[in-house]
């Protein structure tokens, strides 16, 4: 946690330069100021290839396009801490050598939201209405629940997507509730979709703090920000995704839930992009540890044919 350009009590946080990412960093800075008031923080912004590229993410190697430059700054020692949305971190490849997650913050809302200028809900949208989303997970589930609606590809950060909606490029927009709350735009939400209609992505609503594994001072400084329930839930979810070997074009959804009595469950779904084939699995951990639960649910999906379904999807 020693900065080449600052005192030893300055913690440098690397982040994507988008408004969403910077808002997430501000949450970390605020929570850290309460936990460790003697530590100063400064932000090291980077623009990732995923932020610059507005085409299909698979052409850049998938979700890793949003983390590669952030990881590089951390590994090179240009920063001490990285803040990631867990849903953007690939699970089909390991973390960069020499790095570790020091904490998962308390989980925010995992649900998706519909944004419509007139405040309509999904059920109220007319046939042929264009819904902006580039998520194969969302488009597959929309094809199941509302096949009369048309999905329109849209990229860019949440603010840019909202601007495109306001410009009339589509009729409605699907975004994460947590993301809209983080950028102060929860007022735009027309409808919060239940998880039964729109199962969330793996890692939804959780921020991860990544450090160099030999940097014990930073790990010690930030580990107290971690939430035990979020750690258990994300461990199960990411093991599920790792065993399934999903890629950025895989319509995989799921979430774990830690109950107040300590029980842990994991629900997961795998779809074809058109939503015509749906595989489901839901298990309770019982005595199983979170990683074993994730493995068990993944195996249940593999027994139903998830491997063939995922491998048939181009990426």
C-alpha atoms as a PDB file:
ATOM      1  CA  UNK A   1       0.000   0.000   0.000  1.00  0.00           C
ATOM      2  CA  UNK A   2       2.988   2.272  -0.524  1.00  0.00           C
ATOM      3  CA  UNK A   3       2.564   4.688  -3.391  1.00  0.00           C
ATOM      4  CA  UNK A   4       5.582   5.772  -5.384  1.00  0.00           C
ATOM      5  CA  UNK A   5       4.128   9.265  -5.415  1.00  0.00           C
ATOM      6  CA  UNK A   6       2.464   9.418  -2.020  1.00  0.00           C
ATOM      7  CA  UNK A   7       2.683   8.419   1.652  1.00  0.00           C
ATOM      8  CA  UNK A   8       2.373   4.851   2.867  1.00  0.00           C
ATOM      9  CA  UNK A   9      -1.155   5.484   4.152  1.00  0.00           C
ATOM     10  CA  UNK A  10      -2.486   6.327   0.683  1.00  0.00           C
ATOM     11  CA  UNK A  11      -4.426   3.556  -1.023  1.00  0.00           C
ATOM     12  CA  UNK A  12      -4.639   3.865  -4.811  1.00  0.00           C
ATOM     13  CA  UNK A  13      -7.853   2.466  -6.285  1.00  0.00           C
ATOM     14  CA  UNK A  14      -7.864   1.623  -9.994  1.00  0.00           C
ATOM     15  CA  UNK A  15     -11.214   1.778 -11.751  1.00  0.00           C
ATOM     16  CA  UNK A  16     -12.847   2.008 -15.138  1.00  0.00           C
ATOM     17  CA  UNK A  17     -13.540   5.637 -15.950  1.00  0.00           C
ATOM     18  CA  UNK A  18     -17.290   5.216 -16.523  1.00  0.00           C
ATOM     19  CA  UNK A  19     -19.743   7.048 -14.232  1.00  0.00           C
ATOM     20  CA  UNK A  20     -20.984   3.688 -12.916  1.00  0.00           C
ATOM     21  CA  UNK A  21     -17.515   2.440 -12.046  1.00  0.00           C
ATOM     22  CA  UNK A  22     -16.541   5.693 -10.368  1.00  0.00           C
ATOM     23  CA  UNK A  23     -19.752   5.637  -8.324  1.00  0.00           C
ATOM     24  CA  UNK A  24     -18.824   2.139  -7.169  1.00  0.00           C
ATOM     25  CA  UNK A  25     -15.382   3.356  -6.132  1.00  0.00           C
ATOM     26  CA  UNK A  26     -16.988   6.171  -4.145  1.00  0.00           C
ATOM     27  CA  UNK A  27     -18.964   3.586  -2.185  1.00  0.00           C
ATOM     28  CA  UNK A  28     -15.732   1.777  -1.345  1.00  0.00           C
ATOM     29  CA  UNK A  29     -14.019   5.035  -0.363  1.00  0.00           C
ATOM     30  CA  UNK A  30     -16.935   6.016   1.877  1.00  0.00           C
ATOM     31  CA  UNK A  31     -17.086   2.636   3.627  1.00  0.00           C
ATOM     32  CA  UNK A  32     -13.307   2.568   4.016  1.00  0.00           C
ATOM     33  CA  UNK A  33     -13.307   6.077   5.519  1.00  0.00           C
ATOM     34  CA  UNK A  34     -15.566   4.771   8.287  1.00  0.00           C
ATOM     35  CA  UNK A  35     -13.636   1.540   8.816  1.00  0.00           C
ATOM     36  CA  UNK A  36     -10.117   2.986   8.449  1.00  0.00           C
ATOM     37  CA  UNK A  37     -10.296   6.779   8.934  1.00  0.00           C
ATOM     38  CA  UNK A  38      -6.510   7.109   8.877  1.00  0.00           C
ATOM     39  CA  UNK A  39      -6.172   5.881   5.289  1.00  0.00           C
ATOM     40  CA  UNK A  40      -6.291   8.309   2.369  1.00  0.00           C
ATOM     41  CA  UNK A  41      -7.554   7.089  -0.994  1.00  0.00           C
ATOM     42  CA  UNK A  42      -6.980   8.268  -4.537  1.00  0.00           C
ATOM     43  CA  UNK A  43      -8.529   7.040  -7.778  1.00  0.00           C
ATOM     44  CA  UNK A  44      -6.506   5.788 -10.743  1.00  0.00           C
ATOM     45  CA  UNK A  45      -8.970   5.780 -13.681  1.00  0.00           C
ATOM     46  CA  UNK A  46      -8.424   3.631 -16.776  1.00  0.00           C
ATOM     47  CA  UNK A  47     -10.461   3.230 -19.958  1.00  0.00           C
ATOM     48  CA  UNK A  48     -10.846  -0.414 -20.891  1.00  0.00           C
ATOM     49  CA  UNK A  49     -11.143  -1.955 -24.341  1.00  0.00           C
ATOM     50  CA  UNK A  50     -14.708  -2.931 -23.421  1.00  0.00           C
ATOM     51  CA  UNK A  51     -15.557   0.715 -22.776  1.00  0.00           C
ATOM     52  CA  UNK A  52     -14.099   1.810 -26.118  1.00  0.00           C
ATOM     53  CA  UNK A  53     -15.615  -0.998 -28.192  1.00  0.00           C
ATOM     54  CA  UNK A  54     -19.301  -0.692 -29.089  1.00  0.00           C
ATOM     55  CA  UNK A  55     -19.576  -3.904 -31.099  1.00  0.00           C
ATOM     56  CA  UNK A  56     -20.189  -7.500 -30.022  1.00  0.00           C
ATOM     57  CA  UNK A  57     -18.255  -8.229 -26.814  1.00  0.00           C
ATOM     58  CA  UNK A  58     -17.299 -11.712 -28.009  1.00  0.00           C
ATOM     59  CA  UNK A  59     -15.066 -10.082 -30.634  1.00  0.00           C
ATOM     60  CA  UNK A  60     -12.930  -8.759 -27.765  1.00  0.00           C
ATOM     61  CA  UNK A  61     -12.852 -12.009 -25.848  1.00  0.00           C
ATOM     62  CA  UNK A  62     -15.970 -11.423 -23.774  1.00  0.00           C
ATOM     63  CA  UNK A  63     -16.433  -9.870 -20.374  1.00  0.00           C
ATOM     64  CA  UNK A  64     -12.694  -9.786 -19.713  1.00  0.00           C
ATOM     65  CA  UNK A  65     -12.647  -6.749 -21.979  1.00  0.00           C
ATOM     66  CA  UNK A  66     -13.872  -4.757 -18.974  1.00  0.00           C
ATOM     67  CA  UNK A  67     -11.208  -6.013 -16.559  1.00  0.00           C
ATOM     68  CA  UNK A  68      -7.978  -6.541 -18.533  1.00  0.00           C
ATOM     69  CA  UNK A  69      -6.558  -3.015 -18.221  1.00  0.00           C
ATOM     70  CA  UNK A  70      -7.665  -2.763 -14.595  1.00  0.00           C
ATOM     71  CA  UNK A  71      -5.901  -6.045 -13.819  1.00  0.00           C
ATOM     72  CA  UNK A  72      -2.755  -4.855 -15.610  1.00  0.00           C
ATOM     73  CA  UNK A  73      -2.563  -1.664 -13.521  1.00  0.00           C
ATOM     74  CA  UNK A  74      -2.928  -3.687 -10.328  1.00  0.00           C
ATOM     75  CA  UNK A  75      -0.330  -6.300 -11.266  1.00  0.00           C
ATOM     76  CA  UNK A  76       2.126  -3.607 -12.377  1.00  0.00           C
ATOM     77  CA  UNK A  77       1.879  -1.892  -9.005  1.00  0.00           C
ATOM     78  CA  UNK A  78       0.318   1.251 -10.434  1.00  0.00           C
ATOM     79  CA  UNK A  79      -2.564   0.794  -7.982  1.00  0.00           C
ATOM     80  CA  UNK A  80      -3.207  -1.105  -4.764  1.00  0.00           C
ATOM     81  CA  UNK A  81      -6.869  -2.035  -5.106  1.00  0.00           C
ATOM     82  CA  UNK A  82      -9.310  -2.736  -7.937  1.00  0.00           C
ATOM     83  CA  UNK A  83     -13.088  -2.531  -7.656  1.00  0.00           C
ATOM     84  CA  UNK A  84     -15.027  -4.877  -9.953  1.00  0.00           C
ATOM     85  CA  UNK A  85     -18.643  -5.812 -10.557  1.00  0.00           C
ATOM     86  CA  UNK A  86     -18.519  -9.560  -9.978  1.00  0.00           C
ATOM     87  CA  UNK A  87     -20.879 -10.096 -12.926  1.00  0.00           C
ATOM     88  CA  UNK A  88     -18.180  -8.639 -15.235  1.00  0.00           C
ATOM     89  CA  UNK A  89     -15.410 -10.969 -14.041  1.00  0.00           C
ATOM     90  CA  UNK A  90     -14.992 -14.086 -16.229  1.00  0.00           C
ATOM     91  CA  UNK A  91     -15.222 -17.343 -14.304  1.00  0.00           C
ATOM     92  CA  UNK A  92     -13.925 -19.530 -17.148  1.00  0.00           C
ATOM     93  CA  UNK A  93     -10.370 -18.342 -16.515  1.00  0.00           C
ATOM     94  CA  UNK A  94      -8.440 -17.776 -13.275  1.00  0.00           C
ATOM     95  CA  UNK A  95      -7.699 -14.408 -11.713  1.00  0.00           C
ATOM     96  CA  UNK A  96      -4.438 -12.865 -12.949  1.00  0.00           C
ATOM     97  CA  UNK A  97      -1.457 -14.525 -11.273  1.00  0.00           C
ATOM     98  CA  UNK A  98      -0.518 -12.820  -8.039  1.00  0.00           C
ATOM     99  CA  UNK A  99      -3.936 -11.304  -7.342  1.00  0.00           C
ATOM    100  CA  UNK A 100      -6.707 -12.254  -4.947  1.00  0.00           C
ATOM    101  CA  UNK A 101     -10.158 -11.082  -3.893  1.00  0.00           C
ATOM    102  CA  UNK A 102      -9.858  -9.525  -0.450  1.00  0.00           C
ATOM    103  CA  UNK A 103     -13.582  -8.900   0.056  1.00  0.00           C
ATOM    104  CA  UNK A 104     -17.036  -8.978  -1.480  1.00  0.00           C
ATOM    105  CA  UNK A 105     -19.178  -6.040  -0.365  1.00  0.00           C
ATOM    106  CA  UNK A 106     -22.730  -6.388   0.949  1.00  0.00           C
ATOM    107  CA  UNK A 107     -24.970  -7.382  -1.918  1.00  0.00           C
ATOM    108  CA  UNK A 108     -27.218  -4.828  -3.625  1.00  0.00           C
ATOM    109  CA  UNK A 109     -30.465  -5.579  -5.475  1.00  0.00           C
ATOM    110  CA  UNK A 110     -29.945  -8.483  -7.905  1.00  0.00           C
ATOM    111  CA  UNK A 111     -33.007  -7.781 -10.049  1.00  0.00           C
ATOM    112  CA  UNK A 112     -33.369  -6.222 -13.502  1.00  0.00           C
ATOM    113  CA  UNK A 113     -35.519  -3.189 -14.250  1.00  0.00           C
ATOM    114  CA  UNK A 114     -37.564  -2.035 -17.206  1.00  0.00           C
ATOM    115  CA  UNK A 115     -37.167   1.618 -18.169  1.00  0.00           C
ATOM    116  CA  UNK A 116     -39.971   3.048 -20.302  1.00  0.00           C
ATOM    117  CA  UNK A 117     -40.487   6.779 -20.932  1.00  0.00           C
ATOM    118  CA  UNK A 118     -44.220   6.433 -20.321  1.00  0.00           C
ATOM    119  CA  UNK A 119     -43.893   4.208 -17.266  1.00  0.00           C
ATOM    120  CA  UNK A 120     -45.310   1.069 -18.899  1.00  0.00           C
ATOM    121  CA  UNK A 121     -44.610  -2.431 -17.575  1.00  0.00           C
ATOM    122  CA  UNK A 122     -43.505  -5.392 -19.704  1.00  0.00           C
ATOM    123  CA  UNK A 123     -47.068  -6.708 -19.829  1.00  0.00           C
ATOM    124  CA  UNK A 124     -48.293  -3.318 -21.052  1.00  0.00           C
ATOM    125  CA  UNK A 125     -45.846  -2.992 -23.941  1.00  0.00           C
ATOM    126  CA  UNK A 126     -47.568  -3.476 -27.321  1.00  0.00           C
ATOM    127  CA  UNK A 127     -46.595  -6.237 -29.733  1.00  0.00           C
ATOM    128  CA  UNK A 128     -43.489  -5.318 -31.699  1.00  0.00           C
ATOM    129  CA  UNK A 129     -42.200  -2.884 -29.071  1.00  0.00           C
ATOM    130  CA  UNK A 130     -38.397  -2.644 -29.231  1.00  0.00           C
ATOM    131  CA  UNK A 131     -36.554  -3.364 -25.991  1.00  0.00           C
ATOM    132  CA  UNK A 132     -32.904  -2.358 -25.778  1.00  0.00           C
ATOM    133  CA  UNK A 133     -30.505  -4.982 -24.411  1.00  0.00           C
ATOM    134  CA  UNK A 134     -27.323  -6.696 -25.573  1.00  0.00           C
ATOM    135  CA  UNK A 135     -27.542  -9.371 -22.880  1.00  0.00           C
ATOM    136  CA  UNK A 136     -28.196 -12.856 -24.240  1.00  0.00           C
ATOM    137  CA  UNK A 137     -29.448 -13.764 -20.775  1.00  0.00           C
ATOM    138  CA  UNK A 138     -32.105 -11.049 -20.896  1.00  0.00           C
ATOM    139  CA  UNK A 139     -33.111 -11.595 -24.516  1.00  0.00           C
ATOM    140  CA  UNK A 140     -33.510 -15.362 -23.996  1.00  0.00           C
ATOM    141  CA  UNK A 141     -35.763 -14.839 -20.985  1.00  0.00           C
ATOM    142  CA  UNK A 142     -37.732 -12.096 -22.712  1.00  0.00           C
ATOM    143  CA  UNK A 143     -38.365 -14.521 -25.575  1.00  0.00           C
ATOM    144  CA  UNK A 144     -39.863 -16.924 -23.018  1.00  0.00           C
ATOM    145  CA  UNK A 145     -42.074 -14.501 -21.108  1.00  0.00           C
ATOM    146  CA  UNK A 146     -42.885 -11.901 -23.787  1.00  0.00           C
ATOM    147  CA  UNK A 147     -42.219 -13.383 -27.244  1.00  0.00           C
ATOM    148  CA  UNK A 148     -44.174 -10.573 -28.939  1.00  0.00           C
ATOM    149  CA  UNK A 149     -41.475  -8.027 -28.016  1.00  0.00           C
ATOM    150  CA  UNK A 150     -38.350  -7.360 -30.102  1.00  0.00           C
ATOM    151  CA  UNK A 151     -34.858  -7.114 -28.571  1.00  0.00           C
ATOM    152  CA  UNK A 152     -32.626  -4.387 -30.018  1.00  0.00           C
ATOM    153  CA  UNK A 153     -28.834  -4.559 -29.396  1.00  0.00           C
ATOM    154  CA  UNK A 154     -27.446  -1.643 -27.375  1.00  0.00           C
ATOM    155  CA  UNK A 155     -23.990  -1.064 -25.894  1.00  0.00           C
ATOM    156  CA  UNK A 156     -22.400   1.682 -23.857  1.00  0.00           C
ATOM    157  CA  UNK A 157     -22.622   2.627 -20.185  1.00  0.00           C
ATOM    158  CA  UNK A 158     -25.984   3.052 -18.471  1.00  0.00           C
ATOM    159  CA  UNK A 159     -26.081   6.830 -18.977  1.00  0.00           C
ATOM    160  CA  UNK A 160     -25.434   6.402 -22.688  1.00  0.00           C
ATOM    161  CA  UNK A 161     -28.122   3.733 -22.963  1.00  0.00           C
ATOM    162  CA  UNK A 162     -30.636   5.999 -21.228  1.00  0.00           C
ATOM    163  CA  UNK A 163     -29.745   8.776 -23.677  1.00  0.00           C
ATOM    164  CA  UNK A 164     -30.339   6.403 -26.608  1.00  0.00           C
ATOM    165  CA  UNK A 165     -33.730   5.496 -25.159  1.00  0.00           C
ATOM    166  CA  UNK A 166     -34.615   9.169 -24.814  1.00  0.00           C
ATOM    167  CA  UNK A 167     -33.514   9.703 -28.436  1.00  0.00           C
ATOM    168  CA  UNK A 168     -36.046   7.089 -29.560  1.00  0.00           C
ATOM    169  CA  UNK A 169     -33.612   4.382 -30.705  1.00  0.00           C
ATOM    170  CA  UNK A 170     -35.890   1.835 -28.989  1.00  0.00           C
ATOM    171  CA  UNK A 171     -39.103   1.881 -26.963  1.00  0.00           C
ATOM    172  CA  UNK A 172     -37.881   0.522 -23.640  1.00  0.00           C
ATOM    173  CA  UNK A 173     -34.659  -0.564 -21.968  1.00  0.00           C
ATOM    174  CA  UNK A 174     -33.584  -3.331 -19.598  1.00  0.00           C
ATOM    175  CA  UNK A 175     -30.950  -2.414 -17.002  1.00  0.00           C
ATOM    176  CA  UNK A 176     -29.861  -3.654 -13.584  1.00  0.00           C
ATOM    177  CA  UNK A 177     -31.654  -2.116 -10.617  1.00  0.00           C
ATOM    178  CA  UNK A 178     -28.366  -1.893  -8.700  1.00  0.00           C
ATOM    179  CA  UNK A 179     -26.665  -0.041 -11.539  1.00  0.00           C
ATOM    180  CA  UNK A 180     -29.428   2.545 -11.811  1.00  0.00           C
ATOM    181  CA  UNK A 181     -29.334   3.052  -8.057  1.00  0.00           C
ATOM    182  CA  UNK A 182     -25.552   3.502  -8.086  1.00  0.00           C
ATOM    183  CA  UNK A 183     -25.686   6.308 -10.660  1.00  0.00           C
ATOM    184  CA  UNK A 184     -28.655   7.960  -8.983  1.00  0.00           C
ATOM    185  CA  UNK A 185     -31.168   7.129 -11.731  1.00  0.00           C
ATOM    186  CA  UNK A 186     -33.553   4.806  -9.898  1.00  0.00           C
ATOM    187  CA  UNK A 187     -36.237   7.372 -10.752  1.00  0.00           C
ATOM    188  CA  UNK A 188     -36.166   6.039 -14.328  1.00  0.00           C
ATOM    189  CA  UNK A 189     -37.383   2.570 -13.302  1.00  0.00           C
ATOM    190  CA  UNK A 190     -40.843   1.719 -14.651  1.00  0.00           C
ATOM    191  CA  UNK A 191     -40.928  -1.833 -13.302  1.00  0.00           C
ATOM    192  CA  UNK A 192     -38.662  -4.007 -11.167  1.00  0.00           C
ATOM    193  CA  UNK A 193     -38.778  -7.486 -12.675  1.00  0.00           C
ATOM    194  CA  UNK A 194     -39.134 -10.486 -10.343  1.00  0.00           C
ATOM    195  CA  UNK A 195     -36.360 -13.088 -10.535  1.00  0.00           C
ATOM    196  CA  UNK A 196     -38.973 -15.590 -11.738  1.00  0.00           C
ATOM    197  CA  UNK A 197     -39.349 -13.497 -14.910  1.00  0.00           C
ATOM    198  CA  UNK A 198     -35.742 -12.346 -15.294  1.00  0.00           C
ATOM    199  CA  UNK A 199     -33.225 -14.539 -13.487  1.00  0.00           C
ATOM    200  CA  UNK A 200     -30.137 -12.405 -12.762  1.00  0.00           C
ATOM    201  CA  UNK A 201     -26.577 -12.901 -14.001  1.00  0.00           C
ATOM    202  CA  UNK A 202     -24.028 -14.703 -11.881  1.00  0.00           C
ATOM    203  CA  UNK A 203     -22.522 -12.183  -9.447  1.00  0.00           C
ATOM    204  CA  UNK A 204     -25.332  -9.641  -9.736  1.00  0.00           C
ATOM    205  CA  UNK A 205     -25.273  -6.746  -7.293  1.00  0.00           C
ATOM    206  CA  UNK A 206     -21.884  -7.525  -5.722  1.00  0.00           C
ATOM    207  CA  UNK A 207     -18.680  -5.496  -5.828  1.00  0.00           C
ATOM    208  CA  UNK A 208     -15.367  -7.338  -5.412  1.00  0.00           C
ATOM    209  CA  UNK A 209     -12.167  -5.825  -4.033  1.00  0.00           C
ATOM    210  CA  UNK A 210      -9.074  -7.249  -5.726  1.00  0.00           C
ATOM    211  CA  UNK A 211      -5.508  -6.856  -4.414  1.00  0.00           C
ATOM    212  CA  UNK A 212      -2.049  -8.260  -5.057  1.00  0.00           C
ATOM    213  CA  UNK A 213      -1.808 -11.366  -2.912  1.00  0.00           C
ATOM    214  CA  UNK A 214       1.506 -10.352  -1.334  1.00  0.00           C
ATOM    215  CA  UNK A 215       0.135  -6.933  -0.362  1.00  0.00           C
ATOM    216  CA  UNK A 216      -0.874  -7.904   3.159  1.00  0.00           C
ATOM    217  CA  UNK A 217      -1.280  -4.293   4.279  1.00  0.00           C
ATOM    218  CA  UNK A 218      -3.961  -3.520   1.701  1.00  0.00           C
ATOM    219  CA  UNK A 219      -5.683  -6.867   2.247  1.00  0.00           C
ATOM    220  CA  UNK A 220      -5.798  -6.211   5.984  1.00  0.00           C
ATOM    221  CA  UNK A 221      -7.059  -2.665   5.424  1.00  0.00           C
ATOM    222  CA  UNK A 222     -10.019  -3.638   3.191  1.00  0.00           C
ATOM    223  CA  UNK A 223     -10.985  -7.156   4.278  1.00  0.00           C
ATOM    224  CA  UNK A 224     -13.198  -5.730   7.021  1.00  0.00           C
ATOM    225  CA  UNK A 225     -15.459  -4.282   4.299  1.00  0.00           C
ATOM    226  CA  UNK A 226     -16.430  -7.801   3.275  1.00  0.00           C
ATOM    227  CA  UNK A 227     -19.849  -9.324   3.858  1.00  0.00           C
ATOM    228  CA  UNK A 228     -19.949 -12.978   4.953  1.00  0.00           C
ATOM    229  CA  UNK A 229     -23.237 -13.757   3.174  1.00  0.00           C
ATOM    230  CA  UNK A 230     -22.030 -12.192  -0.081  1.00  0.00           C
ATOM    231  CA  UNK A 231     -18.821 -14.249   0.145  1.00  0.00           C
ATOM    232  CA  UNK A 232     -20.784 -17.516   0.488  1.00  0.00           C
ATOM    233  CA  UNK A 233     -23.234 -16.618  -2.284  1.00  0.00           C
ATOM    234  CA  UNK A 234     -20.557 -15.527  -4.768  1.00  0.00           C
ATOM    235  CA  UNK A 235     -18.345 -18.521  -4.021  1.00  0.00           C
ATOM    236  CA  UNK A 236     -21.222 -20.837  -4.955  1.00  0.00           C
ATOM    237  CA  UNK A 237     -22.208 -18.823  -8.042  1.00  0.00           C
ATOM    238  CA  UNK A 238     -18.720 -18.487  -9.475  1.00  0.00           C
ATOM    239  CA  UNK A 239     -17.984 -22.170  -8.964  1.00  0.00           C
ATOM    240  CA  UNK A 240     -21.175 -22.936 -10.889  1.00  0.00           C
ATOM    241  CA  UNK A 241     -20.038 -20.727 -13.771  1.00  0.00           C
ATOM    242  CA  UNK A 242     -16.509 -22.136 -13.651  1.00  0.00           C
ATOM    243  CA  UNK A 243     -17.715 -25.743 -13.912  1.00  0.00           C
ATOM    244  CA  UNK A 244     -20.131 -24.860 -16.724  1.00  0.00           C
ATOM    245  CA  UNK A 245     -17.304 -23.025 -18.550  1.00  0.00           C
ATOM    246  CA  UNK A 246     -19.742 -20.411 -19.776  1.00  0.00           C
ATOM    247  CA  UNK A 247     -18.599 -17.651 -22.119  1.00  0.00           C
ATOM    248  CA  UNK A 248     -19.972 -14.148 -22.760  1.00  0.00           C
ATOM    249  CA  UNK A 249     -22.547 -15.430 -25.254  1.00  0.00           C
ATOM    250  CA  UNK A 250     -23.840 -18.138 -22.904  1.00  0.00           C
ATOM    251  CA  UNK A 251     -27.351 -17.444 -21.618  1.00  0.00           C
ATOM    252  CA  UNK A 252     -26.590 -18.552 -18.043  1.00  0.00           C
ATOM    253  CA  UNK A 253     -28.426 -17.080 -15.081  1.00  0.00           C
ATOM    254  CA  UNK A 254     -28.518 -17.834 -11.395  1.00  0.00           C
ATOM    255  CA  UNK A 255     -28.222 -16.636  -7.855  1.00  0.00           C
ATOM    256  CA  UNK A 256     -27.383 -18.029  -4.433  1.00  0.00           C
ATOM    257  CA  UNK A 257     -29.197 -16.913  -1.310  1.00  0.00           C
ATOM    258  CA  UNK A 258     -27.900 -17.111   2.248  1.00  0.00           C
ATOM    259  CA  UNK A 259     -30.794 -17.387   4.706  1.00  0.00           C
ATOM    260  CA  UNK A 260     -30.717 -15.805   8.187  1.00  0.00           C
ATOM    261  CA  UNK A 261     -30.482 -19.298   9.734  1.00  0.00           C
ATOM    262  CA  UNK A 262     -27.285 -19.989   7.764  1.00  0.00           C
ATOM    263  CA  UNK A 263     -28.745 -22.213   5.036  1.00  0.00           C
ATOM    264  CA  UNK A 264     -27.564 -21.544   1.489  1.00  0.00           C
ATOM    265  CA  UNK A 265     -29.412 -22.257  -1.756  1.00  0.00           C
ATOM    266  CA  UNK A 266     -28.447 -21.872  -5.400  1.00  0.00           C
ATOM    267  CA  UNK A 267     -30.830 -21.610  -8.350  1.00  0.00           C
ATOM    268  CA  UNK A 268     -29.458 -21.649 -11.902  1.00  0.00           C
ATOM    269  CA  UNK A 269     -30.796 -21.694 -15.454  1.00  0.00           C
ATOM    270  CA  UNK A 270     -29.218 -22.277 -18.873  1.00  0.00           C
ATOM    271  CA  UNK A 271     -31.057 -21.240 -22.045  1.00  0.00           C
ATOM    272  CA  UNK A 272     -30.718 -21.374 -25.775  1.00  0.00           C
ATOM    273  CA  UNK A 273     -30.528 -17.784 -27.102  1.00  0.00           C
ATOM    274  CA  UNK A 274     -34.076 -18.041 -28.484  1.00  0.00           C
ATOM    275  CA  UNK A 275     -35.395 -19.198 -25.108  1.00  0.00           C
ATOM    276  CA  UNK A 276     -36.920 -22.359 -26.587  1.00  0.00           C
ATOM    277  CA  UNK A 277     -34.809 -24.670 -24.433  1.00  0.00           C
ATOM    278  CA  UNK A 278     -34.497 -24.005 -20.704  1.00  0.00           C
ATOM    279  CA  UNK A 279     -32.550 -26.078 -18.181  1.00  0.00           C
ATOM    280  CA  UNK A 280     -33.219 -25.541 -14.468  1.00  0.00           C
ATOM    281  CA  UNK A 281     -31.537 -26.628 -11.248  1.00  0.00           C
ATOM    282  CA  UNK A 282     -32.084 -25.594  -7.630  1.00  0.00           C
ATOM    283  CA  UNK A 283     -30.394 -27.092  -4.585  1.00  0.00           C
ATOM    284  CA  UNK A 284     -29.857 -26.366  -0.913  1.00  0.00           C
ATOM    285  CA  UNK A 285     -26.384 -26.702   0.520  1.00  0.00           C
ATOM    286  CA  UNK A 286     -27.232 -28.560   3.717  1.00  0.00           C
ATOM    287  CA  UNK A 287     -23.795 -29.501   5.027  1.00  0.00           C
ATOM    288  CA  UNK A 288     -22.119 -28.658   1.715  1.00  0.00           C
ATOM    289  CA  UNK A 289     -19.680 -25.768   1.512  1.00  0.00           C
ATOM    290  CA  UNK A 290     -20.538 -23.036  -1.047  1.00  0.00           C
ATOM    291  CA  UNK A 291     -18.074 -24.244  -3.689  1.00  0.00           C
ATOM    292  CA  UNK A 292     -19.423 -27.790  -3.479  1.00  0.00           C
ATOM    293  CA  UNK A 293     -22.968 -26.437  -3.838  1.00  0.00           C
ATOM    294  CA  UNK A 294     -21.927 -24.577  -6.990  1.00  0.00           C
ATOM    295  CA  UNK A 295     -20.345 -27.727  -8.388  1.00  0.00           C
ATOM    296  CA  UNK A 296     -23.393 -29.835  -7.556  1.00  0.00           C
ATOM    297  CA  UNK A 297     -25.838 -27.454  -9.288  1.00  0.00           C
ATOM    298  CA  UNK A 298     -23.552 -27.234 -12.337  1.00  0.00           C
ATOM    299  CA  UNK A 299     -23.397 -31.036 -12.543  1.00  0.00           C
ATOM    300  CA  UNK A 300     -27.203 -31.183 -12.363  1.00  0.00           C
ATOM    301  CA  UNK A 301     -27.354 -28.836 -15.378  1.00  0.00           C
ATOM    302  CA  UNK A 302     -24.666 -30.790 -17.225  1.00  0.00           C
ATOM    303  CA  UNK A 303     -26.725 -33.951 -16.736  1.00  0.00           C
ATOM    304  CA  UNK A 304     -29.579 -32.161 -18.516  1.00  0.00           C
ATOM    305  CA  UNK A 305     -27.367 -31.302 -21.521  1.00  0.00           C
ATOM    306  CA  UNK A 306     -25.910 -27.904 -20.584  1.00  0.00           C
ATOM    307  CA  UNK A 307     -22.498 -28.732 -22.086  1.00  0.00           C
ATOM    308  CA  UNK A 308     -23.899 -29.359 -25.559  1.00  0.00           C
ATOM    309  CA  UNK A 309     -26.202 -26.339 -25.319  1.00  0.00           C
ATOM    310  CA  UNK A 310     -23.379 -23.979 -24.320  1.00  0.00           C
ATOM    311  CA  UNK A 311     -20.900 -25.371 -26.861  1.00  0.00           C
ATOM    312  CA  UNK A 312     -23.351 -24.913 -29.736  1.00  0.00           C
ATOM    313  CA  UNK A 313     -23.491 -21.151 -29.165  1.00  0.00           C
ATOM    314  CA  UNK A 314     -20.843 -19.227 -31.200  1.00  0.00           C
ATOM    315  CA  UNK A 315     -18.353 -17.149 -29.226  1.00  0.00           C
END
